[in-house]
């Protein structure tokens, strides 16, 4: 019987991966609270901050589709802020 533990490779995260994970969690938190703050300008600012803070995590993980999504959110809300 093969134990599941033998199928998983143990490795430690590098400092860059640890930092990018923490920034990603902070960015995700900003993005989650932003819809409730959106009627005011601070909502758009938190969307932009969340998009920028989430970028290192998805860039290090090489999840290029999420890099494009985060850039799109950031650019869209920067345009929104510029027009208001």
C-alpha atoms as a PDB file:
ATOM      1  CA  UNK A   1       0.000   0.000   0.000  1.00  0.00           C
ATOM      2  CA  UNK A   2       1.431   3.352  -1.050  1.00  0.00           C
ATOM      3  CA  UNK A   3       1.117   6.068   1.525  1.00  0.00           C
ATOM      4  CA  UNK A   4       0.007   9.461   0.298  1.00  0.00           C
ATOM      5  CA  UNK A   5       2.867  11.113   2.155  1.00  0.00           C
ATOM      6  CA  UNK A   6       5.334   9.389  -0.183  1.00  0.00           C
ATOM      7  CA  UNK A   7       3.667  11.031  -3.178  1.00  0.00           C
ATOM      8  CA  UNK A   8       4.248  14.594  -1.956  1.00  0.00           C
ATOM      9  CA  UNK A   9       7.592  16.308  -2.357  1.00  0.00           C
ATOM     10  CA  UNK A  10       8.681  18.232   0.719  1.00  0.00           C
ATOM     11  CA  UNK A  11      10.327  21.559   0.032  1.00  0.00           C
ATOM     12  CA  UNK A  12      10.741  24.895   1.719  1.00  0.00           C
ATOM     13  CA  UNK A  13       9.606  28.131   0.143  1.00  0.00           C
ATOM     14  CA  UNK A  14      12.242  30.634  -0.892  1.00  0.00           C
ATOM     15  CA  UNK A  15      12.160  34.111   0.692  1.00  0.00           C
ATOM     16  CA  UNK A  16      10.773  35.564  -2.551  1.00  0.00           C
ATOM     17  CA  UNK A  17       7.952  33.022  -2.567  1.00  0.00           C
ATOM     18  CA  UNK A  18       7.119  33.698   1.094  1.00  0.00           C
ATOM     19  CA  UNK A  19       7.047  37.466   0.553  1.00  0.00           C
ATOM     20  CA  UNK A  20       4.997  37.204  -2.624  1.00  0.00           C
ATOM     21  CA  UNK A  21       2.473  34.926  -0.873  1.00  0.00           C
ATOM     22  CA  UNK A  22       2.020  37.428   1.941  1.00  0.00           C
ATOM     23  CA  UNK A  23       1.609  40.305  -0.493  1.00  0.00           C
ATOM     24  CA  UNK A  24      -0.878  38.238  -2.469  1.00  0.00           C
ATOM     25  CA  UNK A  25      -2.999  37.586   0.612  1.00  0.00           C
ATOM     26  CA  UNK A  26      -2.971  41.289   1.460  1.00  0.00           C
ATOM     27  CA  UNK A  27      -3.940  42.175  -2.111  1.00  0.00           C
ATOM     28  CA  UNK A  28      -6.765  39.634  -2.080  1.00  0.00           C
ATOM     29  CA  UNK A  29      -8.073  41.173   1.143  1.00  0.00           C
ATOM     30  CA  UNK A  30      -8.064  44.634  -0.434  1.00  0.00           C
ATOM     31  CA  UNK A  31      -9.933  43.313  -3.477  1.00  0.00           C
ATOM     32  CA  UNK A  32     -12.503  41.576  -1.241  1.00  0.00           C
ATOM     33  CA  UNK A  33     -13.344  44.727   0.745  1.00  0.00           C
ATOM     34  CA  UNK A  34     -13.342  47.055  -2.266  1.00  0.00           C
ATOM     35  CA  UNK A  35     -16.940  46.481  -3.489  1.00  0.00           C
ATOM     36  CA  UNK A  36     -18.260  47.687  -0.130  1.00  0.00           C
ATOM     37  CA  UNK A  37     -16.186  50.863  -0.366  1.00  0.00           C
ATOM     38  CA  UNK A  38     -16.770  51.524  -4.063  1.00  0.00           C
ATOM     39  CA  UNK A  39     -19.373  54.295  -3.965  1.00  0.00           C
ATOM     40  CA  UNK A  40     -16.546  56.473  -2.686  1.00  0.00           C
ATOM     41  CA  UNK A  41     -13.118  56.972  -4.243  1.00  0.00           C
ATOM     42  CA  UNK A  42     -11.418  54.867  -1.557  1.00  0.00           C
ATOM     43  CA  UNK A  43     -13.032  51.755  -3.075  1.00  0.00           C
ATOM     44  CA  UNK A  44     -11.262  52.312  -6.385  1.00  0.00           C
ATOM     45  CA  UNK A  45      -7.999  53.024  -4.560  1.00  0.00           C
ATOM     46  CA  UNK A  46      -8.251  49.732  -2.674  1.00  0.00           C
ATOM     47  CA  UNK A  47      -8.979  47.911  -5.952  1.00  0.00           C
ATOM     48  CA  UNK A  48      -5.802  49.389  -7.459  1.00  0.00           C
ATOM     49  CA  UNK A  49      -3.755  48.583  -4.340  1.00  0.00           C
ATOM     50  CA  UNK A  50      -5.140  45.041  -4.282  1.00  0.00           C
ATOM     51  CA  UNK A  51      -4.319  44.489  -7.935  1.00  0.00           C
ATOM     52  CA  UNK A  52      -0.766  45.736  -7.504  1.00  0.00           C
ATOM     53  CA  UNK A  53      -0.188  43.745  -4.299  1.00  0.00           C
ATOM     54  CA  UNK A  54      -1.518  40.551  -5.922  1.00  0.00           C
ATOM     55  CA  UNK A  55       0.841  40.776  -8.895  1.00  0.00           C
ATOM     56  CA  UNK A  56       4.011  39.360  -7.254  1.00  0.00           C
ATOM     57  CA  UNK A  57       2.237  36.204  -6.078  1.00  0.00           C
ATOM     58  CA  UNK A  58       0.834  35.287  -9.476  1.00  0.00           C
ATOM     59  CA  UNK A  59       4.031  36.371 -11.250  1.00  0.00           C
ATOM     60  CA  UNK A  60       6.237  34.130  -9.075  1.00  0.00           C
ATOM     61  CA  UNK A  61       3.762  31.254  -9.506  1.00  0.00           C
ATOM     62  CA  UNK A  62       3.839  31.870 -13.294  1.00  0.00           C
ATOM     63  CA  UNK A  63       0.070  32.096 -13.504  1.00  0.00           C
ATOM     64  CA  UNK A  64       0.103  34.391 -16.500  1.00  0.00           C
ATOM     65  CA  UNK A  65      -3.668  34.493 -16.947  1.00  0.00           C
ATOM     66  CA  UNK A  66      -4.028  35.965 -13.448  1.00  0.00           C
ATOM     67  CA  UNK A  67      -1.232  38.453 -14.143  1.00  0.00           C
ATOM     68  CA  UNK A  68      -3.296  39.741 -17.073  1.00  0.00           C
ATOM     69  CA  UNK A  69      -6.485  39.838 -14.954  1.00  0.00           C
ATOM     70  CA  UNK A  70      -4.749  41.799 -12.174  1.00  0.00           C
ATOM     71  CA  UNK A  71      -3.244  44.243 -14.665  1.00  0.00           C
ATOM     72  CA  UNK A  72      -6.678  44.670 -16.243  1.00  0.00           C
ATOM     73  CA  UNK A  73      -8.316  45.414 -12.869  1.00  0.00           C
ATOM     74  CA  UNK A  74      -5.561  47.842 -11.930  1.00  0.00           C
ATOM     75  CA  UNK A  75      -5.650  49.676 -15.250  1.00  0.00           C
ATOM     76  CA  UNK A  76      -9.451  49.817 -15.309  1.00  0.00           C
ATOM     77  CA  UNK A  77      -9.712  51.360 -11.868  1.00  0.00           C
ATOM     78  CA  UNK A  78      -6.855  53.770 -12.566  1.00  0.00           C
ATOM     79  CA  UNK A  79      -8.862  55.014 -15.551  1.00  0.00           C
ATOM     80  CA  UNK A  80     -11.955  55.201 -13.309  1.00  0.00           C
ATOM     81  CA  UNK A  81     -10.023  57.275 -10.753  1.00  0.00           C
ATOM     82  CA  UNK A  82      -8.642  59.542 -13.467  1.00  0.00           C
ATOM     83  CA  UNK A  83     -12.130  60.259 -14.814  1.00  0.00           C
ATOM     84  CA  UNK A  84     -13.647  61.061 -11.401  1.00  0.00           C
END
